Protein backbone atom coordinates (compact mmCIF):
# COMPACT_ATOMS: atom_id res chain seq x y z
CA MET A 1 36.91 230.04 31.13
CA ARG A 2 34.88 228.40 28.77
CA ARG A 3 31.97 230.91 29.79
CA LEU A 4 34.41 233.65 29.35
CA LEU A 5 35.14 232.59 25.88
CA LEU A 6 31.50 232.20 24.80
CA ALA A 7 30.39 235.58 25.75
CA SER A 8 33.23 237.25 24.13
CA ALA A 9 32.17 235.26 20.77
CA PHE A 10 28.78 236.71 21.39
CA LEU A 11 29.60 240.41 21.57
CA VAL A 12 32.03 239.76 18.96
CA ALA A 13 28.74 238.66 17.06
CA GLY A 14 26.73 240.97 17.81
CA PHE A 15 28.58 244.40 17.40
CA PRO A 16 27.77 244.49 13.51
CA ALA A 17 23.83 244.58 14.27
CA LEU A 18 24.81 246.95 17.46
CA ALA A 19 26.71 249.32 15.19
CA ALA A 20 24.04 249.26 12.18
CA ASP A 21 21.82 250.95 15.17
CA LEU A 22 23.61 253.89 16.12
CA PRO A 23 23.50 256.79 14.24
CA PRO A 24 25.87 258.14 11.33
CA TYR A 25 28.68 260.70 12.71
CA SER A 26 28.39 264.15 11.55
CA PRO A 27 30.78 266.60 11.71
CA ALA A 28 29.55 269.95 13.79
CA PRO A 29 28.17 272.23 11.25
CA TYR A 30 30.50 275.52 10.65
CA TYR A 31 29.47 279.04 10.10
CA GLU A 32 31.40 281.71 8.63
CA PRO A 33 32.12 283.95 10.73
CA ALA A 34 30.58 287.93 10.73
CA PRO A 35 33.25 290.07 8.91
CA ILE A 36 34.88 292.65 10.43
CA PHE A 37 33.62 296.77 9.57
CA THR A 38 36.69 298.45 8.24
CA TRP A 39 36.65 302.12 6.80
CA THR A 40 39.28 301.28 4.76
CA GLY A 41 38.57 301.94 1.03
CA ALA A 42 37.64 304.13 -1.57
CA TYR A 43 34.31 306.12 -1.80
CA VAL A 44 32.52 308.56 -4.15
CA GLY A 45 29.31 310.29 -2.96
CA ALA A 46 26.87 313.09 -3.10
CA SER A 47 25.86 316.10 -0.91
CA ALA A 48 23.87 319.04 -0.33
CA ALA A 49 24.57 322.19 1.92
CA PHE A 50 23.60 325.52 2.89
CA GLY A 51 26.31 328.26 3.64
CA PHE A 52 26.06 331.29 5.27
CA GLY A 53 28.30 333.86 5.98
CA ARG A 54 29.24 337.71 5.17
CA PHE A 55 31.79 339.05 2.29
CA THR A 56 35.25 340.44 3.73
CA HIS A 57 37.69 343.09 2.89
CA ASP A 58 36.25 345.46 -0.19
CA GLY A 59 33.30 342.52 -0.72
CA GLY A 60 32.21 343.78 2.74
CA PRO A 61 30.69 347.19 1.29
CA TYR A 62 29.97 345.56 -2.07
CA PHE A 63 28.06 342.47 -1.32
CA GLY A 64 27.44 342.24 2.23
CA ASP A 65 26.06 339.23 3.98
CA ALA A 66 26.25 335.82 2.18
CA SER A 67 23.91 332.78 2.09
CA GLY A 68 22.52 329.92 -0.47
CA GLY A 69 22.73 326.31 -1.08
CA LEU A 70 25.22 324.26 -2.67
CA PHE A 71 24.99 320.71 -4.20
CA GLY A 72 27.98 318.75 -5.21
CA ILE A 73 30.05 315.35 -5.42
CA GLN A 74 32.98 313.83 -3.62
CA ALA A 75 35.20 311.47 -3.02
CA GLY A 76 38.21 309.96 -1.12
CA TYR A 77 39.90 306.97 0.35
CA ASN A 78 40.01 305.79 4.08
CA TYR A 79 42.81 303.75 5.78
CA GLN A 80 41.85 302.57 9.23
CA SER A 81 44.62 300.97 12.13
CA GLY A 82 42.44 300.10 15.31
CA PRO A 83 39.80 302.64 15.77
CA LEU A 84 41.73 305.03 13.94
CA VAL A 85 40.82 306.50 10.91
CA ALA A 86 43.03 309.18 8.35
CA GLY A 87 42.31 309.61 4.59
CA ILE A 88 41.47 312.55 2.03
CA GLU A 89 38.89 313.48 0.15
CA GLY A 90 38.00 316.14 -2.88
CA ASP A 91 34.84 317.51 -3.37
CA ILE A 92 33.43 319.93 -5.77
CA ASN A 93 30.35 321.92 -5.54
CA PHE A 94 27.64 323.76 -7.55
CA GLY A 95 24.63 326.28 -6.76
CA GLY A 96 24.04 329.88 -5.41
CA VAL A 97 25.77 331.45 -2.35
CA SER A 98 25.63 335.19 -3.00
CA GLY A 99 24.86 339.07 -1.70
CA THR A 100 23.62 342.39 -2.63
CA ASN A 101 24.87 345.59 -1.69
CA ASN A 102 24.99 349.20 -2.27
CA PRO A 103 28.83 350.10 -1.78
CA PHE A 104 27.91 353.85 -3.05
CA PRO A 105 25.12 356.07 -3.77
CA GLY A 106 23.92 354.93 -7.12
CA ALA A 107 25.54 351.97 -7.36
CA THR A 108 24.48 348.51 -6.66
CA ALA A 109 26.69 345.27 -7.09
CA ASN A 110 26.13 341.56 -6.32
CA GLY A 111 28.58 338.71 -5.43
CA ASN A 112 27.74 334.76 -5.93
CA ILE A 113 29.25 332.10 -5.11
CA ASN A 114 28.35 329.91 -8.17
CA ALA A 115 31.30 327.29 -8.09
CA GLU A 116 33.44 325.86 -5.24
CA GLY A 117 35.61 322.63 -4.07
CA SER A 118 38.00 321.82 -1.88
CA ILE A 119 40.74 318.97 -0.81
CA ARG A 120 41.07 317.99 2.42
CA ALA A 121 42.72 315.48 5.27
CA ARG A 122 40.47 313.60 7.45
CA PHE A 123 41.48 312.22 10.87
CA GLY A 124 38.65 310.24 12.53
CA TYR A 125 37.65 307.83 15.95
CA ALA A 126 35.85 305.22 14.42
CA PHE A 127 33.20 302.97 16.81
CA ASN A 128 32.54 300.06 14.57
CA HIS A 129 29.99 301.56 12.15
CA THR A 130 30.17 304.98 13.46
CA MET A 131 33.17 307.71 12.94
CA VAL A 132 33.86 311.09 14.28
CA TYR A 133 36.51 312.87 12.04
CA ILE A 134 38.20 316.37 11.60
CA THR A 135 38.83 317.57 8.69
CA GLY A 136 40.80 320.62 6.85
CA GLY A 137 42.85 321.60 3.59
CA TYR A 138 42.93 323.61 0.43
CA THR A 139 39.47 325.41 -0.95
CA GLY A 140 38.85 327.78 -3.64
CA ALA A 141 35.53 329.44 -5.39
CA ASN A 142 34.49 331.13 -8.36
CA LEU A 143 32.94 334.65 -7.31
CA LYS A 144 30.66 335.88 -10.38
CA SER A 145 29.72 339.20 -9.60
CA SER A 146 27.72 342.50 -11.23
CA LEU A 147 28.20 346.18 -10.61
CA THR A 148 26.25 349.09 -11.88
CA ASP A 149 27.08 352.41 -10.52
CA PHE A 150 25.02 355.42 -11.77
CA GLY A 151 26.94 357.53 -9.57
CA ILE A 152 30.05 358.53 -12.31
CA SER A 153 29.74 359.52 -15.18
CA PRO A 154 30.75 357.57 -17.24
CA ASN A 155 27.93 354.85 -16.06
CA ILE A 156 29.75 351.40 -15.01
CA TYR A 157 28.07 348.37 -16.01
CA ALA A 158 30.15 345.43 -15.48
CA ASN A 159 30.11 341.56 -14.81
CA GLU A 160 33.32 339.88 -13.83
CA SER A 161 34.40 336.77 -12.45
CA THR A 162 37.36 335.91 -10.12
CA TYR A 163 38.93 332.89 -8.37
CA LEU A 164 39.19 332.94 -4.70
CA ASN A 165 42.03 330.86 -3.04
CA GLY A 166 42.24 330.04 0.87
CA TRP A 167 41.33 327.33 3.42
CA THR A 168 38.82 325.06 5.56
CA ILE A 169 38.78 323.31 8.51
CA GLY A 170 35.48 320.96 10.05
CA ALA A 171 34.42 318.26 11.63
CA GLY A 172 32.09 315.96 11.07
CA VAL A 173 30.15 312.48 12.02
CA GLU A 174 29.82 309.62 9.48
CA TYR A 175 27.48 306.17 9.78
CA ALA A 176 27.66 303.39 7.74
CA ILE A 177 23.87 302.04 7.18
CA THR A 178 25.66 298.66 5.67
CA ARG A 179 29.27 297.56 4.28
CA ASN A 180 29.09 300.16 1.07
CA VAL A 181 26.29 303.23 1.92
CA SER A 182 27.27 305.59 4.86
CA VAL A 183 25.56 308.90 5.71
CA LYS A 184 27.30 311.84 7.04
CA ALA A 185 26.83 315.16 8.85
CA GLU A 186 29.42 317.94 8.74
CA TYR A 187 30.41 321.93 9.15
CA LEU A 188 32.98 323.59 7.57
CA TYR A 189 34.30 327.10 8.13
CA SER A 190 36.10 328.11 5.07
CA ASP A 191 38.33 331.52 4.34
CA TYR A 192 38.28 331.60 0.38
CA GLY A 193 41.19 334.75 0.74
CA THR A 194 40.87 337.48 -1.90
CA GLY A 195 40.25 338.13 -5.81
CA THR A 196 40.11 341.28 -7.66
CA LEU A 197 37.13 342.74 -9.55
CA PHE A 198 36.24 345.86 -11.95
CA SER A 199 40.04 346.35 -12.49
CA GLY A 200 40.50 349.79 -14.40
CA THR A 201 37.27 351.52 -13.13
CA PRO A 202 36.94 353.61 -10.12
CA ASP A 203 35.37 350.94 -8.74
CA PHE A 204 38.21 348.51 -7.98
CA ALA A 205 37.78 345.84 -5.30
CA ARG A 206 39.44 342.98 -3.24
CA PRO A 207 36.78 341.03 -2.03
CA GLY A 208 36.84 337.89 0.22
CA LEU A 209 34.67 335.89 1.61
CA SER A 210 34.42 333.86 5.42
CA LEU A 211 31.63 330.91 4.96
CA SER A 212 30.31 328.66 7.07
CA THR A 213 28.78 325.41 5.55
CA LEU A 214 26.60 322.98 7.07
CA ARG A 215 26.21 319.71 4.85
CA ALA A 216 24.71 316.05 4.70
CA GLY A 217 25.89 313.50 2.28
CA VAL A 218 25.78 310.32 1.44
CA ASN A 219 28.80 307.76 0.38
CA TYR A 220 29.29 304.52 -1.15
CA HIS A 221 32.00 302.65 -0.28
CA PHE A 222 33.95 300.25 -2.25
């Protein structure tokens, strides 16, 4: 018993020295988890496009085929639930998608889409930073035209514009380079409906336009 008491006293006396030799306790480091990427939120951007197609109805003989470039801006909002993304986007574009033809002997006509835009719904499926989507909705365009007709008397010199209202549908893919910046490529088919030109003249026409558009753009997400 005496030896046991002496050994216990020795351990008690030596414990502070042993504790002093132990390394200080520090908690395990905490690392902030990487944020989960989401397409939810508003965005704005810019795009460039090439359009090709044909003027329809009376526009066929007046203006023939149509082609040209467009540049514009877009803005929209996405909401993501799981891998599914739904949103709305509006865009407005300027440039020149035009065609020239000879509708009658002695007559030359030119039609030019110098502005167009759309308001579309978008439905997509997201693979993390990549989203594929379909889109569709309303589209409209300003058709600026000119006509010179020497085949009738008196001759006709006309410059007139009409606004076309129609629909558009398409599909695309968008890739997020960073949390805030994405790039996209899409195809749109647009039927702009018909308008009226050269009213009150023998060359009265109701032209339309069907157009395929290949578009590339960049978006900034807030």
